Amino acid sequence: MLGDAPRAERFLSLTGLTPDELRAGLGDPAVQGAVLEFLCGHEADLIAAADALGMAPADLAAAREKL
């Protein structure tokens, strides 16, 4: 997500996270939830992330529900 400048800028702006906070919080369920909520809120982001991870978009959405 951070590799795409417009998407990264939108994500950081909407969540209030900095890149360093995002990296440091990858193991934090709150940060994971923020990322998944962001991705699920915009289908193009969800599909791009799922493609990059080699998984189905539905799997990312299901992960959000589990958190």
PDB file of N, CA and C in Angstrom:
ATOM      1  N   MET A   1       0.817  -1.183   0.000  1.00  0.00           N
ATOM      2  CA  MET A   1       0.000   0.000   0.000  1.00  0.00           C
ATOM      3  C   MET A   1       0.865   1.253   0.000  1.00  0.00           C
ATOM      4  N   LEU A   2       1.936   1.248   0.740  1.00  0.00           N
ATOM      5  CA  LEU A   2       2.783   2.435   0.795  1.00  0.00           C
ATOM      6  C   LEU A   2       3.625   2.598  -0.456  1.00  0.00           C
ATOM      7  N   GLY A   3       3.664   1.577  -1.305  1.00  0.00           N
ATOM      8  CA  GLY A   3       4.395   1.680  -2.562  1.00  0.00           C
ATOM      9  C   GLY A   3       3.670   2.508  -3.603  1.00  0.00           C
ATOM     10  N   ASP A   4       2.392   2.743  -3.419  1.00  0.00           N
ATOM     11  CA  ASP A   4       1.585   3.559  -4.323  1.00  0.00           C
ATOM     12  C   ASP A   4       1.385   4.913  -3.640  1.00  0.00           C
ATOM     13  N   ALA A   5       2.056   5.943  -4.137  1.00  0.00           N
ATOM     14  CA  ALA A   5       2.082   7.242  -3.459  1.00  0.00           C
ATOM     15  C   ALA A   5       0.696   7.825  -3.173  1.00  0.00           C
ATOM     16  N   PRO A   6      -0.217   7.886  -4.149  1.00  0.00           N
ATOM     17  CA  PRO A   6      -1.532   8.457  -3.825  1.00  0.00           C
ATOM     18  C   PRO A   6      -2.296   7.644  -2.773  1.00  0.00           C
ATOM     19  N   ARG A   7      -2.213   6.319  -2.873  1.00  0.00           N
ATOM     20  CA  ARG A   7      -2.898   5.456  -1.902  1.00  0.00           C
ATOM     21  C   ARG A   7      -2.265   5.624  -0.524  1.00  0.00           C
ATOM     22  N   ALA A   8      -0.959   5.664  -0.467  1.00  0.00           N
ATOM     23  CA  ALA A   8      -0.257   5.820   0.807  1.00  0.00           C
ATOM     24  C   ALA A   8      -0.604   7.161   1.455  1.00  0.00           C
ATOM     25  N   GLU A   9      -0.615   8.208   0.654  1.00  0.00           N
ATOM     26  CA  GLU A   9      -0.935   9.537   1.179  1.00  0.00           C
ATOM     27  C   GLU A   9      -2.358   9.577   1.739  1.00  0.00           C
ATOM     28  N   ARG A  10      -3.292   8.976   1.012  1.00  0.00           N
ATOM     29  CA  ARG A  10      -4.680   8.930   1.472  1.00  0.00           C
ATOM     30  C   ARG A  10      -4.790   8.121   2.766  1.00  0.00           C
ATOM     31  N   PHE A  11      -4.126   6.961   2.804  1.00  0.00           N
ATOM     32  CA  PHE A  11      -4.171   6.116   3.999  1.00  0.00           C
ATOM     33  C   PHE A  11      -3.614   6.855   5.212  1.00  0.00           C
ATOM     34  N   LEU A  12      -2.444   7.431   5.071  1.00  0.00           N
ATOM     35  CA  LEU A  12      -1.822   8.120   6.194  1.00  0.00           C
ATOM     36  C   LEU A  12      -2.660   9.315   6.642  1.00  0.00           C
ATOM     37  N   SER A  13      -3.236  10.010   5.687  1.00  0.00           N
ATOM     38  CA  SER A  13      -4.086  11.146   6.016  1.00  0.00           C
ATOM     39  C   SER A  13      -5.343  10.712   6.772  1.00  0.00           C
ATOM     40  N   LEU A  14      -5.980   9.657   6.310  1.00  0.00           N
ATOM     41  CA  LEU A  14      -7.226   9.200   6.933  1.00  0.00           C
ATOM     42  C   LEU A  14      -7.014   8.569   8.300  1.00  0.00           C
ATOM     43  N   THR A  15      -5.900   7.858   8.471  1.00  0.00           N
ATOM     44  CA  THR A  15      -5.660   7.175   9.743  1.00  0.00           C
ATOM     45  C   THR A  15      -4.900   8.032  10.752  1.00  0.00           C
ATOM     46  N   GLY A  16      -4.178   9.033  10.270  1.00  0.00           N
ATOM     47  CA  GLY A  16      -3.357   9.843  11.158  1.00  0.00           C
ATOM     48  C   GLY A  16      -2.048   9.175  11.541  1.00  0.00           C
ATOM     49  N   LEU A  17      -1.788   8.000  10.973  1.00  0.00           N
ATOM     50  CA  LEU A  17      -0.536   7.295  11.248  1.00  0.00           C
ATOM     51  C   LEU A  17       0.602   7.879  10.413  1.00  0.00           C
ATOM     52  N   THR A  18       1.810   7.752  10.928  1.00  0.00           N
ATOM     53  CA  THR A  18       2.996   8.079  10.147  1.00  0.00           C
ATOM     54  C   THR A  18       3.557   6.757   9.607  1.00  0.00           C
ATOM     55  N   PRO A  19       4.415   6.815   8.601  1.00  0.00           N
ATOM     56  CA  PRO A  19       5.021   5.566   8.120  1.00  0.00           C
ATOM     57  C   PRO A  19       5.750   4.809   9.231  1.00  0.00           C
ATOM     58  N   ASP A  20       6.436   5.534  10.109  1.00  0.00           N
ATOM     59  CA  ASP A  20       7.154   4.875  11.208  1.00  0.00           C
ATOM     60  C   ASP A  20       6.186   4.207  12.186  1.00  0.00           C
ATOM     61  N   GLU A  21       5.081   4.881  12.495  1.00  0.00           N
ATOM     62  CA  GLU A  21       4.080   4.287  13.389  1.00  0.00           C
ATOM     63  C   GLU A  21       3.454   3.047  12.758  1.00  0.00           C
ATOM     64  N   LEU A  22       3.231   3.117  11.473  1.00  0.00           N
ATOM     65  CA  LEU A  22       2.669   1.968  10.769  1.00  0.00           C
ATOM     66  C   LEU A  22       3.618   0.780  10.844  1.00  0.00           C
ATOM     67  N   ARG A  23       4.885   1.009  10.545  1.00  0.00           N
ATOM     68  CA  ARG A  23       5.871  -0.077  10.606  1.00  0.00           C
ATOM     69  C   ARG A  23       5.978  -0.647  12.020  1.00  0.00           C
ATOM     70  N   ALA A  24       6.034   0.233  13.000  1.00  0.00           N
ATOM     71  CA  ALA A  24       6.197  -0.204  14.389  1.00  0.00           C
ATOM     72  C   ALA A  24       4.954  -0.932  14.904  1.00  0.00           C
ATOM     73  N   GLY A  25       3.796  -0.628  14.338  1.00  0.00           N
ATOM     74  CA  GLY A  25       2.562  -1.197  14.847  1.00  0.00           C
ATOM     75  C   GLY A  25       2.016  -2.367  14.059  1.00  0.00           C
ATOM     76  N   LEU A  26       2.797  -2.934  13.171  1.00  0.00           N
ATOM     77  CA  LEU A  26       2.280  -4.021  12.334  1.00  0.00           C
ATOM     78  C   LEU A  26       1.763  -5.210  13.131  1.00  0.00           C
ATOM     79  N   GLY A  27       2.286  -5.431  14.311  1.00  0.00           N
ATOM     80  CA  GLY A  27       1.813  -6.531  15.146  1.00  0.00           C
ATOM     81  C   GLY A  27       0.654  -6.144  16.054  1.00  0.00           C
ATOM     82  N   ASP A  28       0.274  -4.885  16.036  1.00  0.00           N
ATOM     83  CA  ASP A  28      -0.788  -4.362  16.895  1.00  0.00           C
ATOM     84  C   ASP A  28      -2.149  -4.551  16.211  1.00  0.00           C
ATOM     85  N   PRO A  29      -3.082  -5.253  16.856  1.00  0.00           N
ATOM     86  CA  PRO A  29      -4.397  -5.459  16.253  1.00  0.00           C
ATOM     87  C   PRO A  29      -5.116  -4.160  15.869  1.00  0.00           C
ATOM     88  N   ALA A  30      -4.882  -3.083  16.603  1.00  0.00           N
ATOM     89  CA  ALA A  30      -5.518  -1.807  16.268  1.00  0.00           C
ATOM     90  C   ALA A  30      -4.994  -1.275  14.935  1.00  0.00           C
ATOM     91  N   VAL A  31      -3.699  -1.390  14.725  1.00  0.00           N
ATOM     92  CA  VAL A  31      -3.104  -0.938  13.465  1.00  0.00           C
ATOM     93  C   VAL A  31      -3.543  -1.870  12.340  1.00  0.00           C
ATOM     94  N   GLN A  32      -3.529  -3.156  12.588  1.00  0.00           N
ATOM     95  CA  GLN A  32      -3.996  -4.108  11.571  1.00  0.00           C
ATOM     96  C   GLN A  32      -5.441  -3.803  11.188  1.00  0.00           C
ATOM     97  N   GLY A  33      -6.259  -3.514  12.182  1.00  0.00           N
ATOM     98  CA  GLY A  33      -7.659  -3.184  11.925  1.00  0.00           C
ATOM     99  C   GLY A  33      -7.803  -1.915  11.109  1.00  0.00           C
ATOM    100  N   ALA A  34      -6.983  -0.915  11.398  1.00  0.00           N
ATOM    101  CA  ALA A  34      -7.025   0.340  10.643  1.00  0.00           C
ATOM    102  C   ALA A  34      -6.664   0.099   9.182  1.00  0.00           C
ATOM    103  N   VAL A  35      -5.655  -0.726   8.957  1.00  0.00           N
ATOM    104  CA  VAL A  35      -5.247  -1.047   7.589  1.00  0.00           C
ATOM    105  C   VAL A  35      -6.365  -1.794   6.864  1.00  0.00           C
ATOM    106  N   LEU A  36      -6.906  -2.804   7.496  1.00  0.00           N
ATOM    107  CA  LEU A  36      -7.962  -3.595   6.856  1.00  0.00           C
ATOM    108  C   LEU A  36      -9.229  -2.768   6.643  1.00  0.00           C
ATOM    109  N   GLU A  37      -9.551  -1.909   7.579  1.00  0.00           N
ATOM    110  CA  GLU A  37     -10.722  -1.032   7.432  1.00  0.00           C
ATOM    111  C   GLU A  37     -10.531  -0.098   6.239  1.00  0.00           C
ATOM    112  N   PHE A  38      -9.340   0.449   6.121  1.00  0.00           N
ATOM    113  CA  PHE A  38      -9.023   1.324   4.988  1.00  0.00           C
ATOM    114  C   PHE A  38      -9.176   0.571   3.675  1.00  0.00           C
ATOM    115  N   LEU A  39      -8.586  -0.623   3.602  1.00  0.00           N
ATOM    116  CA  LEU A  39      -8.642  -1.404   2.368  1.00  0.00           C
ATOM    117  C   LEU A  39     -10.068  -1.791   2.010  1.00  0.00           C
ATOM    118  N   CYS A  40     -10.831  -2.194   2.994  1.00  0.00           N
ATOM    119  CA  CYS A  40     -12.209  -2.631   2.729  1.00  0.00           C
ATOM    120  C   CYS A  40     -13.135  -1.463   2.411  1.00  0.00           C
ATOM    121  N   GLY A  41     -12.712  -0.260   2.721  1.00  0.00           N
ATOM    122  CA  GLY A  41     -13.526   0.909   2.460  1.00  0.00           C
ATOM    123  C   GLY A  41     -13.484   1.379   1.023  1.00  0.00           C
ATOM    124  N   HIS A  42     -12.579   0.838   0.233  1.00  0.00           N
ATOM    125  CA  HIS A  42     -12.446   1.249  -1.158  1.00  0.00           C
ATOM    126  C   HIS A  42     -12.032   0.029  -1.969  1.00  0.00           C
ATOM    127  N   GLU A  43     -12.923  -0.431  -2.812  1.00  0.00           N
ATOM    128  CA  GLU A  43     -12.717  -1.691  -3.519  1.00  0.00           C
ATOM    129  C   GLU A  43     -11.407  -1.740  -4.301  1.00  0.00           C
ATOM    130  N   ALA A  44     -11.032  -0.642  -4.937  1.00  0.00           N
ATOM    131  CA  ALA A  44      -9.781  -0.642  -5.714  1.00  0.00           C
ATOM    132  C   ALA A  44      -8.575  -0.909  -4.812  1.00  0.00           C
ATOM    133  N   ASP A  45      -8.583  -0.341  -3.606  1.00  0.00           N
ATOM    134  CA  ASP A  45      -7.496  -0.583  -2.657  1.00  0.00           C
ATOM    135  C   ASP A  45      -7.490  -2.034  -2.202  1.00  0.00           C
ATOM    136  N   LEU A  46      -8.668  -2.552  -1.927  1.00  0.00           N
ATOM    137  CA  LEU A  46      -8.787  -3.939  -1.481  1.00  0.00           C
ATOM    138  C   LEU A  46      -8.261  -4.899  -2.540  1.00  0.00           C
ATOM    139  N   ILE A  47      -8.659  -4.695  -3.780  1.00  0.00           N
ATOM    140  CA  ILE A  47      -8.226  -5.569  -4.871  1.00  0.00           C
ATOM    141  C   ILE A  47      -6.721  -5.459  -5.097  1.00  0.00           C
ATOM    142  N   ALA A  48      -6.187  -4.240  -5.070  1.00  0.00           N
ATOM    143  CA  ALA A  48      -4.747  -4.054  -5.266  1.00  0.00           C
ATOM    144  C   ALA A  48      -3.946  -4.737  -4.165  1.00  0.00           C
ATOM    145  N   ALA A  49      -4.397  -4.597  -2.927  1.00  0.00           N
ATOM    146  CA  ALA A  49      -3.686  -5.236  -1.815  1.00  0.00           C
ATOM    147  C   ALA A  49      -3.771  -6.747  -1.913  1.00  0.00           C
ATOM    148  N   ALA A  50      -4.941  -7.251  -2.232  1.00  0.00           N
ATOM    149  CA  ALA A  50      -5.108  -8.705  -2.358  1.00  0.00           C
ATOM    150  C   ALA A  50      -4.225  -9.249  -3.473  1.00  0.00           C
ATOM    151  N   ASP A  51      -4.177  -8.560  -4.593  1.00  0.00           N
ATOM    152  CA  ASP A  51      -3.316  -8.987  -5.701  1.00  0.00           C
ATOM    153  C   ASP A  51      -1.851  -8.999  -5.275  1.00  0.00           C
ATOM    154  N   ALA A  52      -1.431  -7.946  -4.576  1.00  0.00           N
ATOM    155  CA  ALA A  52      -0.037  -7.859  -4.125  1.00  0.00           C
ATOM    156  C   ALA A  52       0.318  -8.970  -3.149  1.00  0.00           C
ATOM    157  N   LEU A  53      -0.673  -9.400  -2.371  1.00  0.00           N
ATOM    158  CA  LEU A  53      -0.448 -10.456  -1.375  1.00  0.00           C
ATOM    159  C   LEU A  53      -0.724 -11.853  -1.915  1.00  0.00           C
ATOM    160  N   GLY A  54      -1.256 -11.931  -3.143  1.00  0.00           N
ATOM    161  CA  GLY A  54      -1.565 -13.230  -3.731  1.00  0.00           C
ATOM    162  C   GLY A  54      -2.722 -13.927  -3.054  1.00  0.00           C
ATOM    163  N   MET A  55      -3.722 -13.151  -2.684  1.00  0.00           N
ATOM    164  CA  MET A  55      -4.877 -13.729  -2.011  1.00  0.00           C
ATOM    165  C   MET A  55      -6.158 -13.101  -2.550  1.00  0.00           C
ATOM    166  N   ALA A  56      -7.275 -13.679  -2.174  1.00  0.00           N
ATOM    167  CA  ALA A  56      -8.569 -13.171  -2.619  1.00  0.00           C
ATOM    168  C   ALA A  56      -8.977 -11.968  -1.764  1.00  0.00           C
ATOM    169  N   PRO A  57      -9.609 -10.969  -2.377  1.00  0.00           N
ATOM    170  CA  PRO A  57     -10.096  -9.836  -1.593  1.00  0.00           C
ATOM    171  C   PRO A  57     -11.016 -10.266  -0.449  1.00  0.00           C
ATOM    172  N   ALA A  58     -11.796 -11.300  -0.671  1.00  0.00           N
ATOM    173  CA  ALA A  58     -12.701 -11.788   0.382  1.00  0.00           C
ATOM    174  C   ALA A  58     -11.925 -12.257   1.610  1.00  0.00           C
ATOM    175  N   ASP A  59     -10.713 -12.770   1.409  1.00  0.00           N
ATOM    176  CA  ASP A  59      -9.905 -13.210   2.545  1.00  0.00           C
ATOM    177  C   ASP A  59      -9.470 -12.026   3.407  1.00  0.00           C
ATOM    178  N   LEU A  60      -9.147 -10.898   2.767  1.00  0.00           N
ATOM    179  CA  LEU A  60      -8.800  -9.711   3.530  1.00  0.00           C
ATOM    180  C   LEU A  60     -10.014  -9.179   4.288  1.00  0.00           C
ATOM    181  N   ALA A  61     -11.150  -9.185   3.630  1.00  0.00           N
ATOM    182  CA  ALA A  61     -12.373  -8.733   4.298  1.00  0.00           C
ATOM    183  C   ALA A  61     -12.705  -9.635   5.479  1.00  0.00           C
ATOM    184  N   ALA A  62     -12.498 -10.941   5.320  1.00  0.00           N
ATOM    185  CA  ALA A  62     -12.755 -11.875   6.419  1.00  0.00           C
ATOM    186  C   ALA A  62     -11.783 -11.625   7.580  1.00  0.00           C
ATOM    187  N   ALA A  63     -10.552 -11.299   7.270  1.00  0.00           N
ATOM    188  CA  ALA A  63      -9.573 -10.998   8.324  1.00  0.00           C
ATOM    189  C   ALA A  63     -10.030  -9.778   9.126  1.00  0.00           C
ATOM    190  N   ARG A  64     -10.585  -8.799   8.444  1.00  0.00           N
ATOM    191  CA  ARG A  64     -11.094  -7.606   9.133  1.00  0.00           C
ATOM    192  C   ARG A  64     -12.206  -7.992  10.106  1.00  0.00           C
ATOM    193  N   GLU A  65     -13.071  -8.866   9.674  1.00  0.00           N
ATOM    194  CA  GLU A  65     -14.182  -9.296  10.536  1.00  0.00           C
ATOM    195  C   GLU A  65     -13.675 -10.058  11.759  1.00  0.00           C
ATOM    196  N   LYS A  66     -12.597 -10.805  11.609  1.00  0.00           N
ATOM    197  CA  LYS A  66     -12.051 -11.570  12.735  1.00  0.00           C
ATOM    198  C   LYS A  66     -11.411 -10.678  13.780  1.00  0.00           C
ATOM    199  N   LEU A  67     -10.875  -9.535  13.352  1.00  0.00           N
ATOM    200  CA  LEU A  67     -10.259  -8.616  14.304  1.00  0.00           C
ATOM    201  C   LEU A  67     -11.340  -7.945  15.108  1.00  0.00           C
TER     202      LEU A  67
END
